[in-house]
């Protein structure tokens, strides 16, 4: 998957093969904004300056670890918890947090709402 596959087409922005993407989506987390800047700067270098529109959406945030946020990994991932995860990785959620299924549903809903 290239960076271009996650960007939205915008008419009027011309690149080597026609219109290029000018709206980019990110979670709003500082590190995603920094990564996004590296990507758009790199594309600007190869295609010339573009009118980037950055659209932040909290539905694109990383998985919430709930009560485990900020805690040492060894405090959370006990042998018992690791067994629970092994039994159902996709549906396991830490206390007050999200499962992989929850994240998939949240991000998919965002993509359907914002991009498709």
PDB file of N, CA and C in Angstrom:
ATOM      1  N   UNK A   1       0.853  -1.174   0.000  1.00  0.00           N
ATOM      2  CA  UNK A   1       0.000   0.000   0.000  1.00  0.00           C
ATOM      3  C   UNK A   1       0.895   1.232   0.000  1.00  0.00           C
ATOM      4  N   UNK A   2       0.633   2.124  -0.914  1.00  0.00           N
ATOM      5  CA  UNK A   2       1.405   3.361  -0.970  1.00  0.00           C
ATOM      6  C   UNK A   2       0.658   4.460  -0.237  1.00  0.00           C
ATOM      7  N   UNK A   3       1.382   5.534   0.042  1.00  0.00           N
ATOM      8  CA  UNK A   3       0.742   6.676   0.702  1.00  0.00           C
ATOM      9  C   UNK A   3      -0.435   7.168  -0.125  1.00  0.00           C
ATOM     10  N   UNK A   4      -0.281   7.149  -1.443  1.00  0.00           N
ATOM     11  CA  UNK A   4      -1.328   7.680  -2.314  1.00  0.00           C
ATOM     12  C   UNK A   4      -2.634   6.905  -2.199  1.00  0.00           C
ATOM     13  N   UNK A   5      -2.563   5.636  -1.826  1.00  0.00           N
ATOM     14  CA  UNK A   5      -3.800   4.857  -1.751  1.00  0.00           C
ATOM     15  C   UNK A   5      -4.674   5.264  -0.581  1.00  0.00           C
ATOM     16  N   UNK A   6      -4.130   5.966   0.388  1.00  0.00           N
ATOM     17  CA  UNK A   6      -4.944   6.387   1.527  1.00  0.00           C
ATOM     18  C   UNK A   6      -5.325   7.859   1.459  1.00  0.00           C
ATOM     19  N   UNK A   7      -5.031   8.495   0.371  1.00  0.00           N
ATOM     20  CA  UNK A   7      -5.362   9.904   0.194  1.00  0.00           C
ATOM     21  C   UNK A   7      -6.544  10.041  -0.760  1.00  0.00           C
ATOM     22  N   UNK A   8      -7.326  11.082  -0.601  1.00  0.00           N
ATOM     23  CA  UNK A   8      -8.534  11.277  -1.400  1.00  0.00           C
ATOM     24  C   UNK A   8      -8.224  12.081  -2.661  1.00  0.00           C
ATOM     25  N   UNK A   9      -8.793  11.674  -3.810  1.00  0.00           N
ATOM     26  CA  UNK A   9      -8.588  12.414  -5.063  1.00  0.00           C
ATOM     27  C   UNK A   9      -9.274  13.780  -4.991  1.00  0.00           C
ATOM     28  N   UNK A  10      -8.610  14.764  -5.537  1.00  0.00           N
ATOM     29  CA  UNK A  10      -9.189  16.108  -5.589  1.00  0.00           C
ATOM     30  C   UNK A  10      -9.011  16.672  -6.988  1.00  0.00           C
ATOM     31  N   UNK A  11     -10.096  17.052  -7.683  1.00  0.00           N
ATOM     32  CA  UNK A  11      -9.966  17.603  -9.021  1.00  0.00           C
ATOM     33  C   UNK A  11      -9.177  18.900  -8.994  1.00  0.00           C
ATOM     34  N   UNK A  12      -8.467  19.147 -10.052  1.00  0.00           N
ATOM     35  CA  UNK A  12      -7.722  20.389 -10.169  1.00  0.00           C
ATOM     36  C   UNK A  12      -6.279  20.287  -9.729  1.00  0.00           C
ATOM     37  N   UNK A  13      -5.908  19.286  -8.980  1.00  0.00           N
ATOM     38  CA  UNK A  13      -4.520  19.079  -8.588  1.00  0.00           C
ATOM     39  C   UNK A  13      -3.919  18.111  -9.591  1.00  0.00           C
ATOM     40  N   UNK A  14      -3.020  18.575 -10.396  1.00  0.00           N
ATOM     41  CA  UNK A  14      -2.483  17.738 -11.465  1.00  0.00           C
ATOM     42  C   UNK A  14      -1.124  17.177 -11.089  1.00  0.00           C
ATOM     43  N   UNK A  15      -0.982  15.909 -11.291  1.00  0.00           N
ATOM     44  CA  UNK A  15       0.281  15.217 -11.100  1.00  0.00           C
ATOM     45  C   UNK A  15       0.659  14.567 -12.407  1.00  0.00           C
ATOM     46  N   UNK A  16       1.719  13.774 -12.433  1.00  0.00           N
ATOM     47  CA  UNK A  16       2.177  13.144 -13.665  1.00  0.00           C
ATOM     48  C   UNK A  16       1.105  12.322 -14.377  1.00  0.00           C
ATOM     49  N   UNK A  17       0.162  11.734 -13.679  1.00  0.00           N
ATOM     50  CA  UNK A  17      -0.844  10.908 -14.334  1.00  0.00           C
ATOM     51  C   UNK A  17      -2.236  11.486 -14.261  1.00  0.00           C
ATOM     52  N   UNK A  18      -2.396  12.740 -13.980  1.00  0.00           N
ATOM     53  CA  UNK A  18      -3.724  13.327 -13.833  1.00  0.00           C
ATOM     54  C   UNK A  18      -3.916  13.853 -12.428  1.00  0.00           C
ATOM     55  N   UNK A  19      -5.167  13.883 -11.971  1.00  0.00           N
ATOM     56  CA  UNK A  19      -5.428  14.418 -10.629  1.00  0.00           C
ATOM     57  C   UNK A  19      -4.700  13.618  -9.553  1.00  0.00           C
ATOM     58  N   UNK A  20      -4.297  14.287  -8.522  1.00  0.00           N
ATOM     59  CA  UNK A  20      -3.649  13.609  -7.406  1.00  0.00           C
ATOM     60  C   UNK A  20      -4.419  13.907  -6.129  1.00  0.00           C
ATOM     61  N   UNK A  21      -4.048  13.251  -5.077  1.00  0.00           N
ATOM     62  CA  UNK A  21      -4.731  13.394  -3.799  1.00  0.00           C
ATOM     63  C   UNK A  21      -4.280  14.658  -3.081  1.00  0.00           C
ATOM     64  N   UNK A  22      -5.231  15.381  -2.500  1.00  0.00           N
ATOM     65  CA  UNK A  22      -4.841  16.570  -1.745  1.00  0.00           C
ATOM     66  C   UNK A  22      -5.468  16.618  -0.358  1.00  0.00           C
ATOM     67  N   UNK A  23      -6.419  15.751  -0.063  1.00  0.00           N
ATOM     68  CA  UNK A  23      -6.972  15.672   1.285  1.00  0.00           C
ATOM     69  C   UNK A  23      -6.389  14.448   1.957  1.00  0.00           C
ATOM     70  N   UNK A  24      -5.841  14.660   3.135  1.00  0.00           N
ATOM     71  CA  UNK A  24      -5.254  13.552   3.882  1.00  0.00           C
ATOM     72  C   UNK A  24      -5.926  13.479   5.243  1.00  0.00           C
ATOM     73  N   UNK A  25      -6.074  12.273   5.743  1.00  0.00           N
ATOM     74  CA  UNK A  25      -6.765  12.042   7.006  1.00  0.00           C
ATOM     75  C   UNK A  25      -5.783  11.520   8.033  1.00  0.00           C
ATOM     76  N   UNK A  26      -5.910  11.999   9.257  1.00  0.00           N
ATOM     77  CA  UNK A  26      -5.097  11.454  10.343  1.00  0.00           C
ATOM     78  C   UNK A  26      -5.874  11.580  11.647  1.00  0.00           C
ATOM     79  N   UNK A  27      -5.350  10.947  12.664  1.00  0.00           N
ATOM     80  CA  UNK A  27      -6.071  10.852  13.932  1.00  0.00           C
ATOM     81  C   UNK A  27      -6.045  12.129  14.759  1.00  0.00           C
ATOM     82  N   UNK A  28      -5.112  12.990  14.514  1.00  0.00           N
ATOM     83  CA  UNK A  28      -4.949  14.173  15.341  1.00  0.00           C
ATOM     84  C   UNK A  28      -3.883  13.998  16.411  1.00  0.00           C
ATOM     85  N   UNK A  29      -3.416  12.765  16.609  1.00  0.00           N
ATOM     86  CA  UNK A  29      -2.314  12.542  17.549  1.00  0.00           C
ATOM     87  C   UNK A  29      -1.065  13.237  16.999  1.00  0.00           C
ATOM     88  N   UNK A  30      -0.252  13.805  17.876  1.00  0.00           N
ATOM     89  CA  UNK A  30       0.927  14.565  17.451  1.00  0.00           C
ATOM     90  C   UNK A  30       1.818  13.738  16.535  1.00  0.00           C
ATOM     91  N   UNK A  31       2.092  12.493  16.894  1.00  0.00           N
ATOM     92  CA  UNK A  31       3.005  11.700  16.068  1.00  0.00           C
ATOM     93  C   UNK A  31       2.423  11.412  14.686  1.00  0.00           C
ATOM     94  N   UNK A  32       1.079  11.308  14.566  1.00  0.00           N
ATOM     95  CA  UNK A  32       0.514  11.086  13.233  1.00  0.00           C
ATOM     96  C   UNK A  32       0.625  12.350  12.395  1.00  0.00           C
ATOM     97  N   UNK A  33       0.484  13.501  13.025  1.00  0.00           N
ATOM     98  CA  UNK A  33       0.650  14.760  12.299  1.00  0.00           C
ATOM     99  C   UNK A  33       2.086  14.898  11.797  1.00  0.00           C
ATOM    100  N   UNK A  34       3.052  14.491  12.600  1.00  0.00           N
ATOM    101  CA  UNK A  34       4.462  14.551  12.179  1.00  0.00           C
ATOM    102  C   UNK A  34       4.726  13.594  11.023  1.00  0.00           C
ATOM    103  N   UNK A  35       4.194  12.384  11.120  1.00  0.00           N
ATOM    104  CA  UNK A  35       4.369  11.411  10.039  1.00  0.00           C
ATOM    105  C   UNK A  35       3.698  11.914   8.768  1.00  0.00           C
ATOM    106  N   UNK A  36       2.519  12.463   8.910  1.00  0.00           N
ATOM    107  CA  UNK A  36       1.800  12.999   7.762  1.00  0.00           C
ATOM    108  C   UNK A  36       2.601  14.106   7.093  1.00  0.00           C
ATOM    109  N   UNK A  37       3.226  14.956   7.874  1.00  0.00           N
ATOM    110  CA  UNK A  37       4.045  16.035   7.315  1.00  0.00           C
ATOM    111  C   UNK A  37       5.211  15.457   6.508  1.00  0.00           C
ATOM    112  N   UNK A  38       5.844  14.399   6.995  1.00  0.00           N
ATOM    113  CA  UNK A  38       6.928  13.755   6.249  1.00  0.00           C
ATOM    114  C   UNK A  38       6.422  13.224   4.910  1.00  0.00           C
ATOM    115  N   UNK A  39       5.245  12.625   4.917  1.00  0.00           N
ATOM    116  CA  UNK A  39       4.670  12.084   3.683  1.00  0.00           C
ATOM    117  C   UNK A  39       4.345  13.203   2.704  1.00  0.00           C
ATOM    118  N   UNK A  40       3.633  14.229   3.169  1.00  0.00           N
ATOM    119  CA  UNK A  40       3.239  15.301   2.252  1.00  0.00           C
ATOM    120  C   UNK A  40       4.447  16.094   1.772  1.00  0.00           C
ATOM    121  N   UNK A  41       5.446  16.294   2.624  1.00  0.00           N
ATOM    122  CA  UNK A  41       6.673  16.966   2.178  1.00  0.00           C
ATOM    123  C   UNK A  41       7.355  16.156   1.088  1.00  0.00           C
ATOM    124  N   UNK A  42       7.389  14.832   1.255  1.00  0.00           N
ATOM    125  CA  UNK A  42       7.997  13.971   0.243  1.00  0.00           C
ATOM    126  C   UNK A  42       7.243  14.019  -1.070  1.00  0.00           C
ATOM    127  N   UNK A  43       5.927  14.027  -1.013  1.00  0.00           N
ATOM    128  CA  UNK A  43       5.133  14.121  -2.236  1.00  0.00           C
ATOM    129  C   UNK A  43       5.281  15.494  -2.871  1.00  0.00           C
ATOM    130  N   UNK A  44       5.346  16.552  -2.056  1.00  0.00           N
ATOM    131  CA  UNK A  44       5.573  17.893  -2.591  1.00  0.00           C
ATOM    132  C   UNK A  44       6.895  17.953  -3.339  1.00  0.00           C
ATOM    133  N   UNK A  45       7.924  17.265  -2.824  1.00  0.00           N
ATOM    134  CA  UNK A  45       9.237  17.272  -3.464  1.00  0.00           C
ATOM    135  C   UNK A  45       9.176  16.659  -4.850  1.00  0.00           C
ATOM    136  N   UNK A  46       8.422  15.579  -4.998  1.00  0.00           N
ATOM    137  CA  UNK A  46       8.396  14.899  -6.287  1.00  0.00           C
ATOM    138  C   UNK A  46       7.359  15.478  -7.249  1.00  0.00           C
ATOM    139  N   UNK A  47       6.318  16.119  -6.753  1.00  0.00           N
ATOM    140  CA  UNK A  47       5.244  16.610  -7.617  1.00  0.00           C
ATOM    141  C   UNK A  47       5.118  18.127  -7.648  1.00  0.00           C
ATOM    142  N   UNK A  48       5.856  18.812  -6.802  1.00  0.00           N
ATOM    143  CA  UNK A  48       5.694  20.248  -6.663  1.00  0.00           C
ATOM    144  C   UNK A  48       4.733  20.537  -5.525  1.00  0.00           C
ATOM    145  N   UNK A  49       4.677  21.791  -5.056  1.00  0.00           N
ATOM    146  CA  UNK A  49       3.811  22.128  -3.925  1.00  0.00           C
ATOM    147  C   UNK A  49       2.342  21.829  -4.229  1.00  0.00           C
ATOM    148  N   UNK A  50       1.667  21.266  -3.263  1.00  0.00           N
ATOM    149  CA  UNK A  50       0.261  20.912  -3.425  1.00  0.00           C
ATOM    150  C   UNK A  50      -0.566  21.542  -2.307  1.00  0.00           C
ATOM    151  N   UNK A  51      -1.829  21.813  -2.572  1.00  0.00           N
ATOM    152  CA  UNK A  51      -2.701  22.407  -1.544  1.00  0.00           C
ATOM    153  C   UNK A  51      -3.265  21.339  -0.611  1.00  0.00           C
ATOM    154  N   UNK A  52      -2.423  20.853   0.298  1.00  0.00           N
ATOM    155  CA  UNK A  52      -2.863  19.783   1.190  1.00  0.00           C
ATOM    156  C   UNK A  52      -3.925  20.268   2.155  1.00  0.00           C
ATOM    157  N   UNK A  53      -4.958  19.482   2.303  1.00  0.00           N
ATOM    158  CA  UNK A  53      -5.975  19.723   3.327  1.00  0.00           C
ATOM    159  C   UNK A  53      -5.898  18.557   4.300  1.00  0.00           C
ATOM    160  N   UNK A  54      -5.544  18.856   5.550  1.00  0.00           N
ATOM    161  CA  UNK A  54      -5.441  17.815   6.572  1.00  0.00           C
ATOM    162  C   UNK A  54      -6.756  17.762   7.339  1.00  0.00           C
ATOM    163  N   UNK A  55      -7.329  16.578   7.399  1.00  0.00           N
ATOM    164  CA  UNK A  55      -8.589  16.379   8.103  1.00  0.00           C
ATOM    165  C   UNK A  55      -8.359  15.416   9.264  1.00  0.00           C
ATOM    166  N   UNK A  56      -8.426  15.943  10.481  1.00  0.00           N
ATOM    167  CA  UNK A  56      -8.239  15.113  11.676  1.00  0.00           C
ATOM    168  C   UNK A  56      -9.555  14.454  12.068  1.00  0.00           C
ATOM    169  N   UNK A  57      -9.457  13.219  12.514  1.00  0.00           N
ATOM    170  CA  UNK A  57     -10.656  12.504  12.949  1.00  0.00           C
ATOM    171  C   UNK A  57     -10.281  11.588  14.104  1.00  0.00           C
ATOM    172  N   UNK A  58     -10.905  11.791  15.244  1.00  0.00           N
ATOM    173  CA  UNK A  58     -10.610  10.983  16.434  1.00  0.00           C
ATOM    174  C   UNK A  58     -10.919   9.508  16.214  1.00  0.00           C
ATOM    175  N   UNK A  59     -11.775   9.199  15.239  1.00  0.00           N
ATOM    176  CA  UNK A  59     -12.075   7.791  14.957  1.00  0.00           C
ATOM    177  C   UNK A  59     -10.885   7.058  14.351  1.00  0.00           C
ATOM    178  N   UNK A  60      -9.832   7.780  14.007  1.00  0.00           N
ATOM    179  CA  UNK A  60      -8.621   7.152  13.474  1.00  0.00           C
ATOM    180  C   UNK A  60      -7.536   6.981  14.533  1.00  0.00           C
ATOM    181  N   UNK A  61      -7.851   7.313  15.776  1.00  0.00           N
ATOM    182  CA  UNK A  61      -6.874   7.134  16.853  1.00  0.00           C
ATOM    183  C   UNK A  61      -6.505   5.665  17.015  1.00  0.00           C
ATOM    184  N   UNK A  62      -5.319   5.436  17.572  1.00  0.00           N
ATOM    185  CA  UNK A  62      -4.877   4.067  17.842  1.00  0.00           C
ATOM    186  C   UNK A  62      -5.783   3.412  18.871  1.00  0.00           C
ATOM    187  N   UNK A  63      -5.614   2.130  19.045  1.00  0.00           N
ATOM    188  CA  UNK A  63      -6.426   1.361  19.978  1.00  0.00           C
ATOM    189  C   UNK A  63      -6.304   1.930  21.393  1.00  0.00           C
ATOM    190  N   UNK A  64      -7.435   2.014  22.072  1.00  0.00           N
ATOM    191  CA  UNK A  64      -7.432   2.467  23.466  1.00  0.00           C
ATOM    192  C   UNK A  64      -7.121   1.276  24.366  1.00  0.00           C
ATOM    193  N   UNK A  65      -6.160   1.458  25.237  1.00  0.00           N
ATOM    194  CA  UNK A  65      -5.794   0.406  26.179  1.00  0.00           C
ATOM    195  C   UNK A  65      -6.489   0.595  27.525  1.00  0.00           C
ATOM    196  N   UNK A  66      -7.429   1.539  27.590  1.00  0.00           N
ATOM    197  CA  UNK A  66      -8.243   1.711  28.793  1.00  0.00           C
ATOM    198  C   UNK A  66      -7.409   1.915  30.049  1.00  0.00           C
ATOM    199  N   UNK A  67      -7.685   1.100  31.063  1.00  0.00           N
ATOM    200  CA  UNK A  67      -6.998   1.215  32.355  1.00  0.00           C
ATOM    201  C   UNK A  67      -5.515   0.869  32.264  1.00  0.00           C
ATOM    202  N   UNK A  68      -5.105   0.285  31.166  1.00  0.00           N
ATOM    203  CA  UNK A  68      -3.693  -0.077  31.010  1.00  0.00           C
ATOM    204  C   UNK A  68      -2.843   1.069  30.463  1.00  0.00           C
ATOM    205  N   UNK A  69      -3.467   2.148  30.009  1.00  0.00           N
ATOM    206  CA  UNK A  69      -2.714   3.277  29.450  1.00  0.00           C
ATOM    207  C   UNK A  69      -1.675   3.760  30.455  1.00  0.00           C
ATOM    208  N   UNK A  70      -0.445   3.894  30.002  1.00  0.00           N
ATOM    209  CA  UNK A  70       0.628   4.428  30.831  1.00  0.00           C
ATOM    210  C   UNK A  70       1.223   3.461  31.841  1.00  0.00           C
ATOM    211  N   UNK A  71       0.718   2.255  31.907  1.00  0.00           N
ATOM    212  CA  UNK A  71       1.236   1.274  32.870  1.00  0.00           C
ATOM    213  C   UNK A  71       2.335   0.436  32.224  1.00  0.00           C
ATOM    214  N   UNK A  72       3.168  -0.137  33.069  1.00  0.00           N
ATOM    215  CA  UNK A  72       4.216  -1.040  32.594  1.00  0.00           C
ATOM    216  C   UNK A  72       3.575  -2.271  31.959  1.00  0.00           C
ATOM    217  N   UNK A  73       4.114  -2.696  30.851  1.00  0.00           N
ATOM    218  CA  UNK A  73       3.595  -3.857  30.135  1.00  0.00           C
ATOM    219  C   UNK A  73       3.524  -5.091  31.038  1.00  0.00           C
ATOM    220  N   UNK A  74       4.550  -5.281  31.854  1.00  0.00           N
ATOM    221  CA  UNK A  74       4.600  -6.465  32.726  1.00  0.00           C
ATOM    222  C   UNK A  74       3.479  -6.468  33.770  1.00  0.00           C
ATOM    223  N   UNK A  75       2.964  -5.292  34.120  1.00  0.00           N
ATOM    224  CA  UNK A  75       1.850  -5.210  35.068  1.00  0.00           C
ATOM    225  C   UNK A  75       0.529  -5.636  34.426  1.00  0.00           C
ATOM    226  N   UNK A  76       0.436  -5.483  33.134  1.00  0.00           N
ATOM    227  CA  UNK A  76      -0.819  -5.749  32.420  1.00  0.00           C
ATOM    228  C   UNK A  76      -0.862  -7.148  31.813  1.00  0.00           C
ATOM    229  N   UNK A  77       0.212  -7.522  31.182  1.00  0.00           N
ATOM    230  CA  UNK A  77       0.239  -8.788  30.446  1.00  0.00           C
ATOM    231  C   UNK A  77       0.724  -9.931  31.336  1.00  0.00           C
ATOM    232  N   UNK A  78      -0.115 -10.288  32.267  1.00  0.00           N
ATOM    233  CA  UNK A  78       0.183 -11.401  33.173  1.00  0.00           C
ATOM    234  C   UNK A  78      -0.036 -12.716  32.416  1.00  0.00           C
ATOM    235  N   UNK A  79       0.462 -13.826  32.932  1.00  0.00           N
ATOM    236  CA  UNK A  79       0.214 -15.116  32.264  1.00  0.00           C
ATOM    237  C   UNK A  79      -1.278 -15.381  32.035  1.00  0.00           C
ATOM    238  N   UNK A  80      -2.111 -15.023  32.996  1.00  0.00           N
ATOM    239  CA  UNK A  80      -3.561 -15.230  32.845  1.00  0.00           C
ATOM    240  C   UNK A  80      -4.120 -14.394  31.696  1.00  0.00           C
ATOM    241  N   UNK A  81      -3.705 -13.135  31.619  1.00  0.00           N
ATOM    242  CA  UNK A  81      -4.170 -12.252  30.543  1.00  0.00           C
ATOM    243  C   UNK A  81      -3.665 -12.756  29.196  1.00  0.00           C
ATOM    244  N   UNK A  82      -2.417 -13.185  29.142  1.00  0.00           N
ATOM    245  CA  UNK A  82      -1.872 -13.711  27.889  1.00  0.00           C
ATOM    246  C   UNK A  82      -2.655 -14.928  27.413  1.00  0.00           C
ATOM    247  N   UNK A  83      -3.104 -15.757  28.336  1.00  0.00           N
ATOM    248  CA  UNK A  83      -3.950 -16.904  27.975  1.00  0.00           C
ATOM    249  C   UNK A  83      -5.286 -16.432  27.400  1.00  0.00           C
ATOM    250  N   UNK A  84      -5.865 -15.409  28.020  1.00  0.00           N
ATOM    251  CA  UNK A  84      -7.136 -14.865  27.516  1.00  0.00           C
ATOM    252  C   UNK A  84      -6.962 -14.314  26.099  1.00  0.00           C
ATOM    253  N   UNK A  85      -5.876 -13.600  25.887  1.00  0.00           N
ATOM    254  CA  UNK A  85      -5.602 -13.037  24.566  1.00  0.00           C
ATOM    255  C   UNK A  85      -5.428 -14.158  23.549  1.00  0.00           C
ATOM    256  N   UNK A  86      -4.685 -15.183  23.915  1.00  0.00           N
ATOM    257  CA  UNK A  86      -4.441 -16.305  23.007  1.00  0.00           C
ATOM    258  C   UNK A  86      -5.737 -17.009  22.618  1.00  0.00           C
ATOM    259  N   UNK A  87      -6.699 -17.047  23.518  1.00  0.00           N
ATOM    260  CA  UNK A  87      -7.984 -17.712  23.239  1.00  0.00           C
ATOM    261  C   UNK A  87      -8.845 -16.934  22.245  1.00  0.00           C
ATOM    262  N   UNK A  88      -8.743 -15.605  22.250  1.00  0.00           N
ATOM    263  CA  UNK A  88      -9.585 -14.796  21.361  1.00  0.00           C
ATOM    264  C   UNK A  88      -8.960 -13.414  21.157  1.00  0.00           C
ATOM    265  N   UNK A  89      -7.885 -13.378  20.410  1.00  0.00           N
ATOM    266  CA  UNK A  89      -7.137 -12.137  20.190  1.00  0.00           C
ATOM    267  C   UNK A  89      -8.013 -11.024  19.638  1.00  0.00           C
ATOM    268  N   UNK A  90      -8.843 -11.350  18.678  1.00  0.00           N
ATOM    269  CA  UNK A  90      -9.651 -10.349  17.976  1.00  0.00           C
ATOM    270  C   UNK A  90     -10.657  -9.651  18.891  1.00  0.00           C
ATOM    271  N   UNK A  91     -11.196 -10.369  19.851  1.00  0.00           N
ATOM    272  CA  UNK A  91     -12.231  -9.808  20.721  1.00  0.00           C
ATOM    273  C   UNK A  91     -11.738  -9.421  22.110  1.00  0.00           C
ATOM    274  N   UNK A  92     -10.479  -9.696  22.423  1.00  0.00           N
ATOM    275  CA  UNK A  92      -9.961  -9.346  23.747  1.00  0.00           C
ATOM    276  C   UNK A  92      -9.844  -7.827  23.866  1.00  0.00           C
ATOM    277  N   UNK A  93     -10.293  -7.295  24.992  1.00  0.00           N
ATOM    278  CA  UNK A  93     -10.144  -5.864  25.285  1.00  0.00           C
ATOM    279  C   UNK A  93      -9.666  -5.711  26.718  1.00  0.00           C
ATOM    280  N   UNK A  94      -8.679  -4.841  26.949  1.00  0.00           N
ATOM    281  CA  UNK A  94      -8.271  -4.571  28.324  1.00  0.00           C
ATOM    282  C   UNK A  94      -9.404  -3.856  29.062  1.00  0.00           C
ATOM    283  N   UNK A  95      -9.376  -3.840  30.384  1.00  0.00           N
ATOM    284  CA  UNK A  95     -10.437  -3.170  31.146  1.00  0.00           C
ATOM    285  C   UNK A  95     -10.610  -1.710  30.704  1.00  0.00           C
ATOM    286  N   UNK A  96     -11.808  -1.375  30.269  1.00  0.00           N
ATOM    287  CA  UNK A  96     -12.092  -0.013  29.827  1.00  0.00           C
ATOM    288  C   UNK A  96     -11.505   0.336  28.478  1.00  0.00           C
ATOM    289  N   UNK A  97     -10.916  -0.641  27.784  1.00  0.00           N
ATOM    290  CA  UNK A  97     -10.266  -0.392  26.503  1.00  0.00           C
ATOM    291  C   UNK A  97     -11.013  -1.010  25.336  1.00  0.00           C
ATOM    292  N   UNK A  98     -10.334  -1.083  24.212  1.00  0.00           N
ATOM    293  CA  UNK A  98     -10.934  -1.581  22.982  1.00  0.00           C
ATOM    294  C   UNK A  98     -10.317  -2.899  22.540  1.00  0.00           C
ATOM    295  N   UNK A  99     -11.111  -3.691  21.873  1.00  0.00           N
ATOM    296  CA  UNK A  99     -10.613  -4.903  21.226  1.00  0.00           C
ATOM    297  C   UNK A  99     -10.194  -4.554  19.796  1.00  0.00           C
ATOM    298  N   UNK A 100      -9.524  -5.481  19.143  1.00  0.00           N
ATOM    299  CA  UNK A 100      -9.185  -5.287  17.731  1.00  0.00           C
ATOM    300  C   UNK A 100     -10.475  -5.120  16.919  1.00  0.00           C
ATOM    301  N   UNK A 101     -11.496  -5.881  17.281  1.00  0.00           N
ATOM    302  CA  UNK A 101     -12.794  -5.768  16.590  1.00  0.00           C
ATOM    303  C   UNK A 101     -13.351  -4.346  16.740  1.00  0.00           C
ATOM    304  N   UNK A 102     -13.287  -3.793  17.955  1.00  0.00           N
ATOM    305  CA  UNK A 102     -13.786  -2.434  18.191  1.00  0.00           C
ATOM    306  C   UNK A 102     -13.078  -1.424  17.293  1.00  0.00           C
ATOM    307  N   UNK A 103     -11.755  -1.545  17.204  1.00  0.00           N
ATOM    308  CA  UNK A 103     -10.969  -0.615  16.393  1.00  0.00           C
ATOM    309  C   UNK A 103     -11.337  -0.770  14.921  1.00  0.00           C
ATOM    310  N   UNK A 104     -11.439  -2.002  14.470  1.00  0.00           N
ATOM    311  CA  UNK A 104     -11.802  -2.247  13.071  1.00  0.00           C
ATOM    312  C   UNK A 104     -13.151  -1.604  12.745  1.00  0.00           C
ATOM    313  N   UNK A 105     -14.121  -1.775  13.605  1.00  0.00           N
ATOM    314  CA  UNK A 105     -15.446  -1.203  13.360  1.00  0.00           C
ATOM    315  C   UNK A 105     -15.408   0.322  13.369  1.00  0.00           C
ATOM    316  N   UNK A 106     -14.644   0.900  14.290  1.00  0.00           N
ATOM    317  CA  UNK A 106     -14.542   2.359  14.395  1.00  0.00           C
ATOM    318  C   UNK A 106     -13.868   2.958  13.164  1.00  0.00           C
ATOM    319  N   UNK A 107     -12.740   2.374  12.755  1.00  0.00           N
ATOM    320  CA  UNK A 107     -11.995   2.903  11.614  1.00  0.00           C
ATOM    321  C   UNK A 107     -12.760   2.666  10.311  1.00  0.00           C
ATOM    322  N   UNK A 108     -13.365   1.506  10.169  1.00  0.00           N
ATOM    323  CA  UNK A 108     -14.153   1.226   8.968  1.00  0.00           C
ATOM    324  C   UNK A 108     -15.305   2.214   8.837  1.00  0.00           C
ATOM    325  N   UNK A 109     -16.001   2.482   9.927  1.00  0.00           N
ATOM    326  CA  UNK A 109     -17.099   3.455   9.897  1.00  0.00           C
ATOM    327  C   UNK A 109     -16.589   4.831   9.479  1.00  0.00           C
ATOM    328  N   UNK A 110     -15.424   5.207   9.965  1.00  0.00           N
ATOM    329  CA  UNK A 110     -14.828   6.493   9.595  1.00  0.00           C
ATOM    330  C   UNK A 110     -14.512   6.535   8.103  1.00  0.00           C
ATOM    331  N   UNK A 111     -13.898   5.488   7.593  1.00  0.00           N
ATOM    332  CA  UNK A 111     -13.558   5.450   6.169  1.00  0.00           C
ATOM    333  C   UNK A 111     -14.810   5.487   5.298  1.00  0.00           C
ATOM    334  N   UNK A 112     -15.828   4.757   5.682  1.00  0.00           N
ATOM    335  CA  UNK A 112     -17.081   4.776   4.920  1.00  0.00           C
ATOM    336  C   UNK A 112     -17.725   6.160   4.954  1.00  0.00           C
ATOM    337  N   UNK A 113     -17.654   6.814   6.098  1.00  0.00           N
ATOM    338  CA  UNK A 113     -18.256   8.133   6.271  1.00  0.00           C
ATOM    339  C   UNK A 113     -17.460   9.228   5.562  1.00  0.00           C
ATOM    340  N   UNK A 114     -16.135   9.144   5.614  1.00  0.00           N
ATOM    341  CA  UNK A 114     -15.287  10.250   5.154  1.00  0.00           C
ATOM    342  C   UNK A 114     -14.697  10.079   3.763  1.00  0.00           C
ATOM    343  N   UNK A 115     -14.481   8.829   3.339  1.00  0.00           N
ATOM    344  CA  UNK A 115     -13.718   8.613   2.109  1.00  0.00           C
ATOM    345  C   UNK A 115     -14.551   7.966   1.006  1.00  0.00           C
ATOM    346  N   UNK A 116     -15.283   6.940   1.340  1.00  0.00           N
ATOM    347  CA  UNK A 116     -15.959   6.164   0.292  1.00  0.00           C
ATOM    348  C   UNK A 116     -17.346   6.671  -0.032  1.00  0.00           C
TER     349      UNK A 116
END
